Protein backbone atom coordinates (compact mmCIF):
# COMPACT_ATOMS: atom_id res chain seq x y z
CA MET A 1 10.34 0.26 15.21
CA PRO A 2 13.10 -0.93 12.88
CA ALA A 3 16.25 0.76 12.46
CA ALA A 4 16.24 2.96 9.33
CA THR A 5 18.14 1.40 6.46
CA SER A 6 20.06 3.50 4.18
CA TYR A 7 18.86 3.59 0.55
CA ASP A 8 19.65 5.92 -2.33
CA MET A 9 16.83 6.65 -4.63
CA SER A 10 18.24 9.94 -5.76
CA GLY A 11 16.64 11.06 -9.13
CA MET A 12 14.05 8.41 -9.01
CA THR A 13 10.36 9.11 -9.33
CA CYS A 14 7.58 7.56 -7.33
CA PHE A 15 3.86 7.74 -8.12
CA MET A 16 1.83 6.92 -4.98
CA SER A 17 -2.02 6.90 -4.59
CA GLY A 18 -3.65 6.87 -1.16
CA ALA A 19 -0.26 8.38 0.19
CA THR A 20 -1.83 11.30 2.30
CA SER A 21 -2.46 9.31 5.49
CA GLY A 22 -1.19 6.28 7.55
CA ILE A 23 0.87 3.53 6.19
CA ASN A 24 1.27 5.18 2.67
CA GLU A 25 1.94 8.73 4.13
CA GLN A 26 5.06 7.15 5.89
CA ILE A 27 6.18 5.35 2.76
CA ALA A 28 6.10 8.39 0.94
CA ARG A 29 8.27 10.11 3.55
CA ARG A 30 10.85 7.33 3.63
CA PHE A 31 11.10 7.44 -0.21
CA ALA A 32 11.52 11.28 -0.13
CA GLN A 33 13.96 10.87 2.55
CA ALA A 34 15.90 8.22 0.24
CA GLY A 35 15.88 10.94 -2.36
CA ALA A 36 12.92 10.12 -4.66
CA LYS A 37 10.60 12.48 -6.11
CA ILE A 38 7.24 11.93 -5.06
CA PHE A 39 3.87 12.48 -6.74
CA VAL A 40 0.78 11.73 -4.47
CA VAL A 41 -2.79 11.45 -5.24
CA SER A 42 -5.95 10.92 -3.10
CA ARG A 43 -9.57 11.88 -2.94
CA SER A 44 -9.04 14.72 -0.72
CA PRO A 45 -7.48 18.08 -2.37
CA GLU A 46 -6.75 19.42 1.21
CA LYS A 47 -4.84 16.02 2.25
CA VAL A 48 -3.02 16.19 -1.28
CA GLU A 49 -1.84 19.61 -0.56
CA ALA A 50 -0.87 19.07 3.12
CA THR A 51 1.15 16.34 1.97
CA ILE A 52 2.91 17.95 -0.51
CA GLU A 53 3.76 20.94 1.60
CA MET A 54 5.07 18.38 4.30
CA LEU A 55 7.07 16.63 1.84
CA ARG A 56 8.56 19.81 0.31
CA GLY A 57 9.06 21.10 3.92
CA GLU A 58 11.27 18.22 4.47
CA GLY A 59 13.30 18.87 1.59
CA ALA A 60 11.89 16.57 -0.95
CA GLU A 61 10.80 17.41 -4.50
CA ALA A 62 6.96 16.74 -4.39
CA ASP A 63 3.81 17.37 -6.37
CA GLY A 64 0.43 15.68 -6.79
CA CYS A 65 -3.09 16.28 -7.37
CA PRO A 66 -6.58 15.02 -6.03
CA VAL A 67 -7.89 11.67 -7.71
CA ASP A 68 -10.36 9.43 -7.07
CA ALA A 69 -8.68 5.95 -8.01
CA ARG A 70 -11.79 4.59 -9.24
CA SER A 71 -12.14 6.88 -12.14
CA TRP A 72 -9.68 5.87 -15.11
CA PRO A 73 -9.65 9.11 -16.80
CA ASP A 74 -8.59 10.79 -13.53
CA VAL A 75 -5.83 8.25 -12.85
CA GLU A 76 -4.52 8.39 -16.37
CA ALA A 77 -4.30 12.22 -16.42
CA ALA A 78 -2.42 12.01 -12.82
CA VAL A 79 0.07 9.54 -14.09
CA ASN A 80 0.82 11.70 -17.20
CA LYS A 81 1.13 14.84 -15.16
CA CYS A 82 3.55 12.79 -13.02
CA ALA A 83 5.57 11.66 -15.73
CA ASP A 84 5.58 15.28 -17.46
CA THR A 85 6.59 16.71 -14.28
CA PHE A 86 9.19 14.36 -12.89
CA GLY A 87 9.99 12.06 -15.90
CA GLU A 88 9.82 8.38 -16.22
CA ILE A 89 8.30 6.56 -13.48
CA ASP A 90 10.60 4.26 -11.33
CA MET A 91 8.16 3.21 -8.47
CA VAL A 92 4.44 2.78 -8.41
CA LEU A 93 2.39 2.33 -5.11
CA ALA A 94 -1.16 1.62 -4.97
CA GLY A 95 -2.29 2.08 -1.53
CA GLN A 96 -5.92 3.42 -1.63
CA ALA A 97 -8.30 1.36 0.54
CA GLY A 98 -11.79 1.16 1.91
CA ASN A 99 -12.79 -0.69 5.00
CA PHE A 100 -15.61 -1.21 7.64
CA PRO A 101 -16.83 -4.06 9.73
CA ALA A 102 -19.99 -5.25 8.40
CA GLY A 103 -21.80 -8.90 7.88
CA ALA A 104 -22.36 -10.12 4.39
CA ALA A 105 -26.14 -10.63 5.11
CA GLN A 106 -26.39 -6.96 6.44
CA MET A 107 -24.10 -5.29 3.88
CA SER A 108 -25.69 -3.44 0.91
CA ALA A 109 -24.69 -4.26 -2.55
CA ASN A 110 -23.56 -0.82 -2.83
CA ALA A 111 -21.22 -0.89 0.11
CA PHE A 112 -19.76 -4.38 -1.16
CA LYS A 113 -19.05 -2.61 -4.73
CA THR A 114 -17.57 0.44 -3.10
CA VAL A 115 -14.75 -1.47 -1.38
CA ILE A 116 -14.30 -3.61 -4.59
CA ASP A 117 -14.03 -0.31 -6.57
CA ILE A 118 -11.60 1.26 -4.34
CA ASP A 119 -9.31 -1.43 -3.58
CA LEU A 120 -9.35 -3.86 -6.58
CA LEU A 121 -10.35 -1.36 -9.51
CA GLY A 122 -8.18 1.45 -8.00
CA THR A 123 -5.19 -0.79 -8.12
CA PHE A 124 -5.78 -1.72 -11.68
CA ASN A 125 -6.40 1.79 -12.89
CA VAL A 126 -3.06 2.90 -11.17
CA PHE A 127 -1.16 -0.06 -12.50
CA ARG A 128 -2.57 0.01 -16.02
CA ALA A 129 -1.78 3.88 -16.36
CA ALA A 130 1.53 3.67 -14.84
CA ILE A 131 2.93 0.90 -17.04
CA HIS A 132 2.69 3.09 -20.11
CA ARG A 133 4.98 5.83 -18.44
CA CYS A 134 7.29 3.80 -16.39
CA LYS A 135 10.93 2.82 -16.80
CA ARG A 136 11.55 -0.42 -18.61
CA PRO A 137 13.68 -2.29 -17.45
CA GLY A 138 13.65 -1.30 -13.71
CA ALA A 139 10.38 -0.08 -12.67
CA SER A 140 8.80 -1.54 -9.37
CA PHE A 141 5.03 -1.81 -8.53
CA ILE A 142 3.60 -2.29 -5.27
CA ALA A 143 0.06 -2.87 -3.85
CA ILE A 144 -0.88 -2.50 -0.48
CA SER A 145 -2.87 -5.58 0.26
CA ALA A 146 -3.87 -7.29 3.73
CA PRO A 147 -4.12 -10.55 5.64
CA GLN A 148 -7.96 -10.54 4.49
CA GLY A 149 -6.52 -11.29 0.96
CA LYS A 150 -5.43 -14.77 2.22
CA ASP A 151 -7.72 -15.80 5.08
CA PRO A 152 -11.58 -15.23 5.74
CA TRP A 153 -12.32 -12.91 8.41
CA LEU A 154 -15.64 -12.29 10.14
CA TYR A 155 -17.40 -9.24 8.93
CA GLN A 156 -14.74 -8.67 6.16
CA SER A 157 -16.30 -10.49 3.20
CA HIS A 158 -15.80 -7.17 1.12
CA VAL A 159 -12.23 -6.71 2.01
CA CYS A 160 -11.39 -10.28 1.59
CA ALA A 161 -12.85 -10.44 -1.99
CA ALA A 162 -11.16 -6.94 -2.93
CA LYS A 163 -7.69 -7.97 -1.43
CA ALA A 164 -7.65 -11.52 -2.77
CA GLY A 165 -8.45 -9.74 -6.21
CA VAL A 166 -5.52 -7.25 -5.59
CA ASN A 167 -3.17 -10.30 -4.68
CA MET A 168 -4.09 -12.07 -7.99
CA LEU A 169 -3.92 -8.92 -10.02
CA VAL A 170 -0.25 -8.45 -8.66
CA LYS A 171 0.76 -12.19 -9.68
CA CYS A 172 -0.70 -11.82 -13.25
CA CYS A 173 0.84 -8.39 -13.79
CA ALA A 174 3.99 -9.89 -12.47
CA LEU A 175 3.91 -12.67 -15.00
CA GLU A 176 2.97 -10.45 -18.03
CA TRP A 177 5.43 -7.55 -17.26
CA GLY A 178 8.45 -9.27 -16.17
CA ILE A 179 9.67 -9.85 -19.87
CA GLU A 180 9.98 -6.07 -19.88
CA GLY A 181 12.00 -6.02 -16.51
CA VAL A 182 9.25 -4.60 -14.55
CA ARG A 183 8.63 -6.11 -11.06
CA VAL A 184 5.07 -6.24 -9.37
CA ASN A 185 4.55 -7.15 -5.75
CA ALA A 186 2.27 -6.40 -2.77
CA ILE A 187 2.80 -5.88 1.03
CA SER A 188 0.34 -7.12 3.33
CA PRO A 189 0.57 -5.47 6.66
CA GLY A 190 -0.84 -6.83 9.78
CA PRO A 191 -2.08 -4.66 12.75
CA ILE A 192 -0.23 -1.40 12.58
CA ASP A 193 -0.39 1.37 15.25
CA GLY A 194 -1.78 4.63 14.15
CA THR A 195 -3.87 3.83 11.54
CA GLU A 196 -7.48 4.20 10.74
CA GLY A 197 -8.11 0.38 10.02
CA MET A 198 -6.93 -0.62 13.37
CA ALA A 199 -8.99 2.31 15.13
CA ARG A 200 -11.98 0.44 13.66
CA LEU A 201 -11.02 -3.22 14.01
CA ALA A 202 -9.63 -3.02 17.57
CA PRO A 203 -11.50 0.25 19.02
CA THR A 204 -11.17 -0.40 22.71
CA ASP A 205 -8.16 -1.33 25.19
CA GLN A 206 -9.41 -4.70 25.45
CA ALA A 207 -9.66 -5.53 21.88
CA ARG A 208 -6.25 -4.16 21.26
CA HIS A 209 -4.81 -6.44 24.21
CA GLU A 210 -6.63 -9.65 22.71
CA ALA A 211 -5.38 -8.87 19.22
CA GLU A 212 -1.61 -8.37 20.48
CA GLN A 213 -1.67 -11.52 22.45
CA ALA A 214 -2.75 -13.48 19.61
CA LEU A 215 0.20 -12.34 17.61
CA ALA A 216 3.41 -14.41 17.29
CA LEU A 217 5.40 -11.05 18.13
CA LYS A 218 2.92 -9.69 20.80
CA ARG A 219 2.94 -6.13 19.49
CA PHE A 220 1.42 -4.05 16.88
CA GLY A 221 3.64 -2.91 14.06
CA SER A 222 4.67 0.42 13.25
CA ARG A 223 4.19 2.52 9.83
CA ASP A 224 8.13 2.16 9.42
CA ASP A 225 7.65 -1.49 9.35
CA ILE A 226 5.87 -1.21 6.15
CA ALA A 227 7.76 1.61 4.76
CA GLU A 228 11.17 -0.33 5.34
CA ALA A 229 9.42 -3.14 3.54
CA ALA A 230 8.50 -0.99 0.43
CA LEU A 231 11.94 0.26 0.29
CA TRP A 232 13.67 -2.90 -0.05
CA LEU A 233 11.05 -4.07 -2.59
CA CYS A 234 11.98 -1.24 -4.73
CA SER A 235 15.72 -1.58 -4.21
CA GLU A 236 18.21 -3.58 -6.11
CA GLY A 237 18.23 -5.97 -3.32
CA ALA A 238 14.83 -7.29 -4.22
CA GLY A 239 15.57 -7.38 -7.87
CA TYR A 240 14.87 -11.11 -8.25
CA VAL A 241 11.73 -10.77 -6.27
CA THR A 242 8.19 -10.32 -8.08
CA GLY A 243 4.77 -11.86 -7.78
CA THR A 244 5.37 -11.86 -4.17
CA ILE A 245 2.60 -11.01 -1.38
CA LEU A 246 5.17 -9.79 1.20
CA GLU A 247 3.43 -10.39 4.72
CA VAL A 248 4.83 -7.95 7.17
CA GLU A 249 2.38 -8.54 9.92
CA GLY A 250 3.94 -10.11 13.09
CA GLY A 251 2.80 -13.47 12.67
CA THR A 252 -1.07 -12.82 12.03
CA THR A 253 -1.52 -15.52 9.50
CA VAL A 254 0.54 -18.28 11.30
CA GLY A 255 -2.01 -18.84 13.84
CA ASP A 256 -3.38 -17.73 17.31
CA ALA A 257 -0.40 -17.27 19.75
CA SER A 258 -2.31 -16.32 22.74
CA LYS A 259 -1.76 -19.58 24.53
CA ALA A 260 1.98 -19.81 23.48
CA LEU A 261 4.31 -20.60 26.14
CA ARG A 262 7.74 -19.03 26.76
CA ILE A 263 10.61 -21.62 26.24
């Protein structure tokens, strides 16, 4: 776990989709600890309410509402509610995601479409709605991508296609919105402890061990590793960073390190 870095986001507003569990919930907590006002949305009303109460219990200004990111009217209404409640939006996180292992030849068209709609269409909806209520210049947009957006994986054709689309959407929005002083980036997390994705992709001790040995750093990351990256991307220190897919993945994409020797 990295040492917590000090950031001051007092008075700033952050709209976060998919922020009621896992990596994104930790990002919401760290942004709140830095002083940001947090507006969370996800499909589950119970999870939204629990996350709001948790953030408020930790001293944050927080609100939110249940939203399916695939629904444009719902996303637009939520973004407007956020801006009406907390003011102009400074930071946007599109973190909703769907995943399950399945071979391309066995997957139904509906299953493939579901992941595309949650990951890619959902990110577009969040970005497009928020750009009209965000601070210009100065706003920072982040999408949560994955290594599958860059490299092909077995039984992940749906996720690979969706995240590759997210990566290109990020670059296109960065190109179009930079003239208004808006930065757009993505974080691509590697294997992260305590997430539903890793529970599915490495469900046994043996699978976890093999996955760790293949990593250059020989360990899974923590949710704080991703939260710290998100804080930096939204800070003045990253003021010249846009259109970047920031890989925070312990060496996942540089190659199989399982046979590396100590020097």
